Amino acid sequence: MILWTIQHRDAYEELVQKGVLRGNPMYIIEEIFKKSYVWMADQMKKRIGNPPAGVLYPVWAWYQWEGKRKRPDMRSHGRGWGEKGTPIVLLTIDVPDNCVLLSDFDYWHVVLNDGEIIFPYDESVHYSKEQRQKSWENIFDISCSFDGDKHHILSTQATMWEIKAEWVVKVEHFISR
């Protein structure tokens, strides 16, 4: 499966040196998001298998952006990857399908914000924590319909336990703006 991942140059250099890049907990931006990352890791264990020893969190990539199955346009993706002037790398990778879990990028933000993904949603109902967390599994329905309407600008993210150097097809260097 062809995917694209945007990484800091230091992460890419680690991939080159070690032959593998794995999720690093120190790069989870906000402490409040850790429980969501743990939830995603648990889903990955159920759906694609256990991580390599010592790996707790996934590495992220893009499968599709705004309805298009193509390489991210760094003219718009070049922002927000650290301070202005930060060296970043866009990697095109070819990952075995069984190593990847696809999910809806927009719905992932509902998980991050401890919301619910319930259709049809009833504002008069108080959903339990268990119902809310069970609803998060809807992010894995990447056909993504909102009450029967097709979502034409679907952005699909990919998570995997690691990126192996032999999966790298192309390397492009950029500077964060």
N, C-alpha and C. Protein backbone atom coordinates (compact mmCIF):
# COMPACT_ATOMS: atom_id res chain seq x y z
N MET A 1 0.85 -1.17 0.00
CA MET A 1 0.00 0.00 0.00
C MET A 1 0.90 1.24 0.00
N ILE A 2 0.69 2.11 -0.95
CA ILE A 2 1.46 3.34 -1.02
C ILE A 2 0.87 4.35 -0.04
N LEU A 3 1.74 4.90 0.82
CA LEU A 3 1.37 5.90 1.81
C LEU A 3 2.39 7.02 1.79
N TRP A 4 2.04 8.13 2.44
CA TRP A 4 2.96 9.26 2.56
C TRP A 4 3.02 9.66 4.03
N THR A 5 4.22 9.87 4.53
CA THR A 5 4.38 10.31 5.91
C THR A 5 5.28 11.54 5.94
N ILE A 6 4.90 12.49 6.76
CA ILE A 6 5.68 13.72 6.93
C ILE A 6 6.38 13.60 8.28
N GLN A 7 7.70 13.68 8.26
CA GLN A 7 8.50 13.51 9.47
C GLN A 7 9.53 14.63 9.59
N HIS A 8 9.94 14.91 10.81
CA HIS A 8 11.06 15.82 10.99
C HIS A 8 12.32 15.15 10.43
N ARG A 9 13.25 15.96 10.00
CA ARG A 9 14.48 15.41 9.42
C ARG A 9 15.20 14.49 10.40
N ASP A 10 15.19 14.83 11.69
CA ASP A 10 15.85 13.97 12.68
C ASP A 10 15.23 12.57 12.71
N ALA A 11 13.92 12.48 12.56
CA ALA A 11 13.25 11.18 12.52
C ALA A 11 13.70 10.40 11.29
N TYR A 12 13.80 11.10 10.16
CA TYR A 12 14.27 10.44 8.93
C TYR A 12 15.70 9.94 9.11
N GLU A 13 16.55 10.75 9.73
CA GLU A 13 17.94 10.33 9.96
C GLU A 13 18.00 9.11 10.87
N GLU A 14 17.09 9.04 11.85
CA GLU A 14 17.00 7.85 12.70
C GLU A 14 16.61 6.63 11.87
N LEU A 15 15.67 6.80 10.96
CA LEU A 15 15.26 5.72 10.06
C LEU A 15 16.44 5.23 9.24
N VAL A 16 17.23 6.15 8.72
CA VAL A 16 18.40 5.77 7.91
C VAL A 16 19.42 5.03 8.77
N GLN A 17 19.69 5.54 9.98
CA GLN A 17 20.70 4.93 10.86
C GLN A 17 20.28 3.56 11.38
N LYS A 18 19.04 3.46 11.87
CA LYS A 18 18.59 2.24 12.54
C LYS A 18 17.88 1.27 11.61
N GLY A 19 17.46 1.76 10.43
CA GLY A 19 16.73 0.91 9.50
C GLY A 19 15.25 0.80 9.81
N VAL A 20 14.81 1.49 10.87
CA VAL A 20 13.40 1.45 11.28
C VAL A 20 13.06 2.74 12.03
N LEU A 21 11.82 3.19 11.86
CA LEU A 21 11.32 4.35 12.60
C LEU A 21 10.08 3.90 13.35
N ARG A 22 10.07 4.16 14.65
CA ARG A 22 8.94 3.76 15.50
C ARG A 22 8.38 4.98 16.23
N GLY A 23 7.11 4.88 16.63
CA GLY A 23 6.47 5.98 17.34
C GLY A 23 7.19 6.29 18.64
N ASN A 24 7.38 7.57 18.89
CA ASN A 24 8.09 8.02 20.07
C ASN A 24 7.12 8.82 20.94
N PRO A 25 6.88 8.38 22.20
CA PRO A 25 5.90 9.06 23.04
C PRO A 25 6.24 10.53 23.30
N MET A 26 7.50 10.91 23.20
CA MET A 26 7.84 12.31 23.48
C MET A 26 7.33 13.26 22.39
N TYR A 27 6.86 12.71 21.26
CA TYR A 27 6.34 13.55 20.19
C TYR A 27 4.82 13.67 20.20
N ILE A 28 4.17 13.09 21.22
CA ILE A 28 2.74 13.33 21.38
C ILE A 28 2.63 14.74 21.93
N ILE A 29 2.02 15.61 21.16
CA ILE A 29 2.07 17.05 21.44
C ILE A 29 1.45 17.41 22.78
N GLU A 30 0.30 16.87 23.07
CA GLU A 30 -0.41 17.23 24.30
C GLU A 30 -0.62 16.00 25.17
N GLU A 31 -0.33 16.14 26.44
CA GLU A 31 -0.52 15.05 27.40
C GLU A 31 -1.97 14.55 27.38
N ILE A 32 -2.94 15.47 27.18
CA ILE A 32 -4.35 15.07 27.21
C ILE A 32 -4.71 14.11 26.06
N PHE A 33 -3.87 14.03 25.03
CA PHE A 33 -4.16 13.15 23.90
C PHE A 33 -3.64 11.73 24.12
N LYS A 34 -2.83 11.51 25.15
CA LYS A 34 -2.20 10.19 25.32
C LYS A 34 -3.24 9.07 25.42
N LYS A 35 -4.36 9.32 26.11
CA LYS A 35 -5.35 8.24 26.24
C LYS A 35 -5.94 7.88 24.87
N SER A 36 -6.05 8.85 23.98
CA SER A 36 -6.54 8.57 22.62
C SER A 36 -5.52 7.75 21.84
N TYR A 37 -4.25 8.06 22.03
CA TYR A 37 -3.19 7.29 21.37
C TYR A 37 -3.15 5.86 21.90
N VAL A 38 -3.36 5.70 23.20
CA VAL A 38 -3.42 4.35 23.78
C VAL A 38 -4.62 3.60 23.20
N TRP A 39 -5.77 4.28 23.06
CA TRP A 39 -6.94 3.65 22.46
C TRP A 39 -6.63 3.19 21.03
N MET A 40 -5.98 4.06 20.24
CA MET A 40 -5.63 3.69 18.86
C MET A 40 -4.68 2.49 18.87
N ALA A 41 -3.70 2.50 19.76
CA ALA A 41 -2.77 1.37 19.85
C ALA A 41 -3.52 0.08 20.19
N ASP A 42 -4.48 0.15 21.09
CA ASP A 42 -5.28 -1.03 21.43
C ASP A 42 -6.07 -1.53 20.22
N GLN A 43 -6.63 -0.60 19.44
CA GLN A 43 -7.35 -0.98 18.22
C GLN A 43 -6.41 -1.64 17.22
N MET A 44 -5.20 -1.11 17.11
CA MET A 44 -4.22 -1.71 16.19
C MET A 44 -3.89 -3.14 16.61
N LYS A 45 -3.72 -3.35 17.91
CA LYS A 45 -3.44 -4.71 18.40
C LYS A 45 -4.54 -5.67 17.98
N LYS A 46 -5.80 -5.23 18.10
CA LYS A 46 -6.94 -6.08 17.74
C LYS A 46 -7.03 -6.31 16.24
N ARG A 47 -6.67 -5.30 15.45
CA ARG A 47 -6.94 -5.33 14.02
C ARG A 47 -5.75 -5.72 13.14
N ILE A 48 -4.53 -5.40 13.57
CA ILE A 48 -3.35 -5.75 12.74
C ILE A 48 -2.28 -6.51 13.51
N GLY A 49 -2.49 -6.71 14.81
CA GLY A 49 -1.54 -7.50 15.58
C GLY A 49 -0.70 -6.67 16.54
N ASN A 50 0.03 -7.37 17.36
CA ASN A 50 0.83 -6.73 18.41
C ASN A 50 2.03 -5.98 17.84
N PRO A 51 2.47 -4.95 18.57
CA PRO A 51 3.64 -4.19 18.13
C PRO A 51 4.93 -4.93 18.43
N PRO A 52 6.02 -4.48 17.80
CA PRO A 52 7.32 -5.01 18.19
C PRO A 52 7.58 -4.68 19.67
N ALA A 53 8.45 -5.43 20.30
CA ALA A 53 8.77 -5.23 21.71
C ALA A 53 9.15 -3.78 21.98
N GLY A 54 8.56 -3.22 23.03
CA GLY A 54 8.90 -1.87 23.45
C GLY A 54 8.15 -0.75 22.74
N VAL A 55 7.37 -1.07 21.71
CA VAL A 55 6.64 -0.05 20.96
C VAL A 55 5.26 0.15 21.59
N LEU A 56 4.94 1.41 21.92
CA LEU A 56 3.66 1.72 22.55
C LEU A 56 2.71 2.47 21.63
N TYR A 57 3.26 3.29 20.73
CA TYR A 57 2.44 4.18 19.92
C TYR A 57 2.74 3.99 18.43
N PRO A 58 1.75 4.32 17.60
CA PRO A 58 1.93 4.15 16.15
C PRO A 58 2.74 5.27 15.51
N VAL A 59 3.11 4.99 14.27
CA VAL A 59 3.64 5.99 13.36
C VAL A 59 2.48 6.30 12.41
N TRP A 60 2.36 7.57 12.00
CA TRP A 60 1.21 8.02 11.22
C TRP A 60 1.62 8.35 9.79
N ALA A 61 0.69 8.14 8.89
CA ALA A 61 0.92 8.47 7.48
C ALA A 61 -0.43 8.83 6.85
N TRP A 62 -0.36 9.26 5.61
CA TRP A 62 -1.57 9.58 4.83
C TRP A 62 -1.82 8.52 3.79
N TYR A 63 -3.08 8.12 3.67
CA TYR A 63 -3.54 7.25 2.60
C TYR A 63 -4.25 8.08 1.54
N GLN A 64 -5.00 9.07 2.00
CA GLN A 64 -5.80 9.91 1.11
C GLN A 64 -6.01 11.26 1.80
N TRP A 65 -6.00 12.34 1.01
CA TRP A 65 -6.23 13.67 1.55
C TRP A 65 -7.31 14.38 0.76
N GLU A 66 -8.36 14.83 1.46
CA GLU A 66 -9.47 15.56 0.87
C GLU A 66 -10.01 14.91 -0.40
N GLY A 67 -10.23 13.60 -0.29
CA GLY A 67 -10.86 12.86 -1.38
C GLY A 67 -9.93 12.44 -2.50
N LYS A 68 -8.67 12.77 -2.41
CA LYS A 68 -7.71 12.45 -3.48
C LYS A 68 -6.68 11.45 -2.98
N ARG A 69 -6.46 10.43 -3.77
CA ARG A 69 -5.45 9.40 -3.44
C ARG A 69 -4.15 9.81 -4.12
N LYS A 70 -3.47 10.79 -3.52
CA LYS A 70 -2.23 11.30 -4.11
C LYS A 70 -1.33 11.84 -3.01
N ARG A 71 -0.12 12.08 -3.37
CA ARG A 71 0.89 12.63 -2.48
C ARG A 71 0.41 13.97 -1.92
N PRO A 72 0.61 14.21 -0.61
CA PRO A 72 0.22 15.50 -0.05
C PRO A 72 0.97 16.65 -0.72
N ASP A 73 0.27 17.73 -0.94
CA ASP A 73 0.85 18.93 -1.54
C ASP A 73 1.54 19.71 -0.43
N MET A 74 2.85 19.76 -0.45
CA MET A 74 3.60 20.39 0.62
C MET A 74 3.47 21.92 0.62
N ARG A 75 2.87 22.49 -0.42
CA ARG A 75 2.60 23.93 -0.37
C ARG A 75 1.59 24.23 0.72
N SER A 76 0.69 23.30 0.99
CA SER A 76 -0.24 23.49 2.11
C SER A 76 0.16 22.67 3.33
N HIS A 77 0.80 21.53 3.13
CA HIS A 77 1.21 20.68 4.25
C HIS A 77 2.53 21.13 4.88
N GLY A 78 3.20 22.09 4.29
CA GLY A 78 4.49 22.53 4.80
C GLY A 78 4.39 23.40 6.04
N ARG A 79 3.18 23.68 6.48
CA ARG A 79 2.97 24.52 7.66
C ARG A 79 2.69 23.66 8.89
N GLY A 80 3.10 24.17 10.03
CA GLY A 80 2.74 23.52 11.29
C GLY A 80 3.57 22.31 11.65
N TRP A 81 4.71 22.12 11.03
CA TRP A 81 5.58 20.99 11.36
C TRP A 81 6.76 21.50 12.15
N GLY A 82 6.48 22.16 13.24
CA GLY A 82 7.53 22.75 14.06
C GLY A 82 7.67 24.23 13.74
N GLU A 83 8.66 24.82 14.35
CA GLU A 83 8.90 26.24 14.12
C GLU A 83 9.26 26.48 12.66
N LYS A 84 8.97 27.69 12.21
CA LYS A 84 9.32 28.08 10.85
C LYS A 84 10.81 27.80 10.65
N GLY A 85 11.13 27.18 9.52
CA GLY A 85 12.52 26.84 9.22
C GLY A 85 12.93 25.44 9.63
N THR A 86 12.02 24.68 10.26
CA THR A 86 12.32 23.31 10.68
C THR A 86 12.43 22.41 9.45
N PRO A 87 13.53 21.67 9.31
CA PRO A 87 13.65 20.73 8.19
C PRO A 87 12.69 19.54 8.37
N ILE A 88 11.90 19.26 7.33
CA ILE A 88 10.98 18.14 7.35
C ILE A 88 11.17 17.30 6.09
N VAL A 89 10.67 16.08 6.14
CA VAL A 89 10.84 15.14 5.03
C VAL A 89 9.49 14.51 4.73
N LEU A 90 9.15 14.46 3.45
CA LEU A 90 7.97 13.72 2.99
C LEU A 90 8.48 12.41 2.41
N LEU A 91 8.06 11.31 3.03
CA LEU A 91 8.46 9.98 2.57
C LEU A 91 7.29 9.32 1.86
N THR A 92 7.54 8.81 0.68
CA THR A 92 6.59 7.92 0.02
C THR A 92 7.03 6.52 0.42
N ILE A 93 6.10 5.76 1.01
CA ILE A 93 6.44 4.43 1.50
C ILE A 93 5.47 3.41 0.93
N ASP A 94 5.96 2.20 0.74
CA ASP A 94 5.14 1.09 0.26
C ASP A 94 5.11 0.05 1.38
N VAL A 95 4.01 0.01 2.10
CA VAL A 95 3.88 -0.79 3.32
C VAL A 95 2.97 -1.99 3.05
N PRO A 96 3.34 -3.18 3.52
CA PRO A 96 2.43 -4.32 3.37
C PRO A 96 1.06 -3.99 3.98
N ASP A 97 0.01 -4.33 3.26
CA ASP A 97 -1.36 -4.01 3.69
C ASP A 97 -1.66 -4.49 5.11
N ASN A 98 -1.15 -5.65 5.47
CA ASN A 98 -1.47 -6.22 6.78
C ASN A 98 -0.78 -5.50 7.94
N CYS A 99 0.07 -4.53 7.63
CA CYS A 99 0.76 -3.75 8.66
C CYS A 99 0.11 -2.39 8.91
N VAL A 100 -1.00 -2.11 8.21
CA VAL A 100 -1.60 -0.77 8.22
C VAL A 100 -3.04 -0.83 8.72
N LEU A 101 -3.39 0.16 9.55
CA LEU A 101 -4.78 0.36 9.94
C LEU A 101 -5.21 1.74 9.44
N LEU A 102 -6.23 1.75 8.57
CA LEU A 102 -6.74 3.00 8.01
C LEU A 102 -7.89 3.53 8.88
N SER A 103 -7.97 4.85 8.99
CA SER A 103 -9.06 5.47 9.74
C SER A 103 -9.35 6.87 9.21
N ASP A 104 -10.53 7.34 9.54
CA ASP A 104 -10.99 8.66 9.09
C ASP A 104 -10.31 9.75 9.92
N PHE A 105 -9.59 10.63 9.24
CA PHE A 105 -8.84 11.70 9.90
C PHE A 105 -9.75 12.66 10.65
N ASP A 106 -10.86 13.05 10.06
CA ASP A 106 -11.76 13.99 10.73
C ASP A 106 -12.38 13.37 11.98
N TYR A 107 -12.84 12.13 11.87
CA TYR A 107 -13.42 11.46 13.02
C TYR A 107 -12.38 11.22 14.12
N TRP A 108 -11.11 11.06 13.74
CA TRP A 108 -10.05 10.89 14.74
C TRP A 108 -10.06 12.07 15.72
N HIS A 109 -10.41 13.25 15.24
CA HIS A 109 -10.44 14.42 16.12
C HIS A 109 -11.59 14.33 17.14
N VAL A 110 -12.64 13.59 16.80
CA VAL A 110 -13.71 13.34 17.77
C VAL A 110 -13.15 12.47 18.90
N VAL A 111 -12.35 11.46 18.54
CA VAL A 111 -11.71 10.61 19.55
C VAL A 111 -10.79 11.46 20.42
N LEU A 112 -9.96 12.29 19.80
CA LEU A 112 -9.03 13.14 20.55
C LEU A 112 -9.77 14.05 21.53
N ASN A 113 -10.98 14.46 21.17
CA ASN A 113 -11.74 15.38 22.01
C ASN A 113 -12.80 14.68 22.87
N ASP A 114 -12.71 13.34 22.95
CA ASP A 114 -13.57 12.55 23.82
C ASP A 114 -15.06 12.72 23.49
N GLY A 115 -15.35 12.84 22.19
CA GLY A 115 -16.73 12.98 21.74
C GLY A 115 -17.33 11.64 21.37
N GLU A 116 -18.42 11.69 20.64
CA GLU A 116 -19.05 10.45 20.17
C GLU A 116 -19.32 10.54 18.68
N ILE A 117 -19.28 9.38 18.04
CA ILE A 117 -19.53 9.26 16.59
C ILE A 117 -20.73 8.33 16.45
N ILE A 118 -21.90 8.88 16.70
CA ILE A 118 -23.13 8.09 16.74
C ILE A 118 -24.10 8.63 15.70
N PHE A 119 -24.60 7.73 14.84
CA PHE A 119 -25.59 8.10 13.82
C PHE A 119 -26.81 7.21 13.96
N PRO A 120 -28.01 7.72 13.95
CA PRO A 120 -28.29 9.15 14.07
C PRO A 120 -28.03 9.60 15.50
N TYR A 121 -27.54 10.79 15.65
CA TYR A 121 -27.22 11.36 16.96
C TYR A 121 -28.48 11.98 17.55
N ASP A 122 -28.73 11.71 18.80
CA ASP A 122 -29.90 12.25 19.49
C ASP A 122 -29.42 13.12 20.65
N GLU A 123 -29.59 14.42 20.53
CA GLU A 123 -29.10 15.36 21.54
C GLU A 123 -29.79 15.17 22.89
N SER A 124 -30.95 14.56 22.90
CA SER A 124 -31.68 14.37 24.16
C SER A 124 -31.15 13.17 24.95
N VAL A 125 -30.29 12.38 24.34
CA VAL A 125 -29.76 11.18 24.99
C VAL A 125 -28.39 11.49 25.60
N HIS A 126 -28.19 11.02 26.83
CA HIS A 126 -26.86 11.10 27.44
C HIS A 126 -26.17 9.77 27.19
N TYR A 127 -25.13 9.78 26.38
CA TYR A 127 -24.42 8.55 26.05
C TYR A 127 -23.40 8.24 27.14
N SER A 128 -23.34 6.98 27.53
CA SER A 128 -22.39 6.57 28.56
C SER A 128 -20.96 6.60 28.01
N LYS A 129 -20.01 6.55 28.90
CA LYS A 129 -18.60 6.50 28.50
C LYS A 129 -18.36 5.29 27.60
N GLU A 130 -18.95 4.15 27.95
CA GLU A 130 -18.78 2.93 27.16
C GLU A 130 -19.38 3.09 25.76
N GLN A 131 -20.57 3.69 25.67
CA GLN A 131 -21.20 3.92 24.36
C GLN A 131 -20.35 4.88 23.52
N ARG A 132 -19.85 5.92 24.18
CA ARG A 132 -19.02 6.90 23.48
C ARG A 132 -17.76 6.23 22.93
N GLN A 133 -17.07 5.48 23.78
CA GLN A 133 -15.84 4.84 23.33
C GLN A 133 -16.10 3.77 22.28
N LYS A 134 -17.19 3.05 22.39
CA LYS A 134 -17.54 2.06 21.36
C LYS A 134 -17.80 2.77 20.03
N SER A 135 -18.40 3.96 20.09
CA SER A 135 -18.70 4.70 18.86
C SER A 135 -17.43 5.13 18.12
N TRP A 136 -16.32 5.24 18.84
CA TRP A 136 -15.07 5.65 18.20
C TRP A 136 -14.64 4.67 17.11
N GLU A 137 -15.07 3.43 17.24
CA GLU A 137 -14.69 2.45 16.22
C GLU A 137 -15.24 2.80 14.84
N ASN A 138 -16.18 3.74 14.78
CA ASN A 138 -16.69 4.21 13.49
C ASN A 138 -15.62 4.90 12.65
N ILE A 139 -14.51 5.31 13.26
CA ILE A 139 -13.45 5.94 12.46
C ILE A 139 -12.85 4.95 11.46
N PHE A 140 -13.04 3.67 11.70
CA PHE A 140 -12.47 2.66 10.80
C PHE A 140 -13.38 2.36 9.61
N ASP A 141 -14.56 2.96 9.58
CA ASP A 141 -15.44 2.86 8.42
C ASP A 141 -15.06 3.98 7.47
N ILE A 142 -14.09 3.71 6.61
CA ILE A 142 -13.58 4.79 5.76
C ILE A 142 -14.44 5.04 4.54
N SER A 143 -15.57 4.32 4.43
CA SER A 143 -16.54 4.72 3.41
C SER A 143 -17.25 5.99 3.88
N CYS A 144 -17.20 6.23 5.19
CA CYS A 144 -17.57 7.48 5.83
C CYS A 144 -18.82 8.14 5.29
N SER A 145 -19.96 7.72 5.74
CA SER A 145 -21.19 8.40 5.33
C SER A 145 -21.81 9.08 6.54
N PHE A 146 -22.25 10.29 6.33
CA PHE A 146 -22.91 11.05 7.38
C PHE A 146 -24.41 10.92 7.17
N ASP A 147 -25.05 10.09 7.96
CA ASP A 147 -26.49 9.85 7.81
C ASP A 147 -26.86 9.54 6.37
N GLY A 148 -26.04 8.74 5.70
CA GLY A 148 -26.34 8.31 4.34
C GLY A 148 -25.75 9.17 3.25
N ASP A 149 -25.19 10.34 3.60
CA ASP A 149 -24.57 11.20 2.59
C ASP A 149 -23.11 10.79 2.40
N LYS A 150 -22.68 10.72 1.15
CA LYS A 150 -21.29 10.36 0.84
C LYS A 150 -20.37 11.53 1.19
N HIS A 151 -19.25 11.23 1.78
CA HIS A 151 -18.26 12.24 2.18
C HIS A 151 -17.21 12.32 1.07
N HIS A 152 -17.29 13.34 0.22
CA HIS A 152 -16.44 13.41 -0.97
C HIS A 152 -15.04 13.97 -0.71
N ILE A 153 -14.82 14.56 0.44
CA ILE A 153 -13.49 15.10 0.71
C ILE A 153 -12.82 14.35 1.86
N LEU A 154 -13.08 13.06 1.91
CA LEU A 154 -12.55 12.21 2.97
C LEU A 154 -11.03 12.25 3.02
N SER A 155 -10.50 12.47 4.21
CA SER A 155 -9.07 12.35 4.46
C SER A 155 -8.86 11.10 5.30
N THR A 156 -8.03 10.20 4.81
CA THR A 156 -7.81 8.92 5.47
C THR A 156 -6.38 8.84 5.95
N GLN A 157 -6.23 8.60 7.25
CA GLN A 157 -4.91 8.44 7.83
C GLN A 157 -4.58 6.96 7.96
N ALA A 158 -3.31 6.68 8.07
CA ALA A 158 -2.83 5.31 8.22
C ALA A 158 -1.95 5.25 9.46
N THR A 159 -2.13 4.20 10.25
CA THR A 159 -1.23 3.99 11.38
C THR A 159 -0.57 2.63 11.21
N MET A 160 0.66 2.57 11.66
CA MET A 160 1.44 1.33 11.63
C MET A 160 2.39 1.36 12.81
N TRP A 161 2.92 0.22 13.18
CA TRP A 161 3.81 0.16 14.33
C TRP A 161 5.19 0.72 14.02
N GLU A 162 5.59 0.62 12.76
CA GLU A 162 6.94 1.08 12.40
C GLU A 162 7.00 1.31 10.90
N ILE A 163 8.02 2.04 10.50
CA ILE A 163 8.35 2.20 9.09
C ILE A 163 9.74 1.60 8.91
N LYS A 164 9.86 0.66 8.02
CA LYS A 164 11.16 0.05 7.72
C LYS A 164 11.82 0.77 6.56
N ALA A 165 13.13 0.88 6.62
CA ALA A 165 13.87 1.61 5.58
C ALA A 165 13.61 1.02 4.20
N GLU A 166 13.44 -0.29 4.11
CA GLU A 166 13.21 -0.90 2.79
C GLU A 166 11.84 -0.56 2.21
N TRP A 167 10.95 0.02 3.00
CA TRP A 167 9.64 0.44 2.50
C TRP A 167 9.69 1.81 1.83
N VAL A 168 10.78 2.55 2.03
CA VAL A 168 10.88 3.91 1.50
C VAL A 168 11.09 3.87 -0.01
N VAL A 169 10.19 4.54 -0.73
CA VAL A 169 10.22 4.60 -2.19
C VAL A 169 10.83 5.93 -2.65
N LYS A 170 10.51 7.00 -1.92
CA LYS A 170 10.96 8.33 -2.33
C LYS A 170 11.13 9.21 -1.10
N VAL A 171 12.13 10.10 -1.13
CA VAL A 171 12.41 11.03 -0.04
C VAL A 171 12.43 12.44 -0.61
N GLU A 172 11.64 13.34 -0.03
CA GLU A 172 11.63 14.74 -0.45
C GLU A 172 11.84 15.62 0.77
N HIS A 173 12.79 16.53 0.68
CA HIS A 173 13.12 17.42 1.79
C HIS A 173 12.43 18.76 1.63
N PHE A 174 11.94 19.30 2.75
CA PHE A 174 11.25 20.59 2.76
C PHE A 174 11.66 21.35 4.01
N ILE A 175 11.30 22.61 4.05
CA ILE A 175 11.49 23.45 5.23
C ILE A 175 10.11 23.92 5.68
N SER A 176 9.82 23.75 6.97
CA SER A 176 8.53 24.17 7.51
C SER A 176 8.38 25.68 7.38
N ARG A 177 7.17 26.08 6.98
CA ARG A 177 6.90 27.52 6.82
C ARG A 177 6.01 28.02 7.94
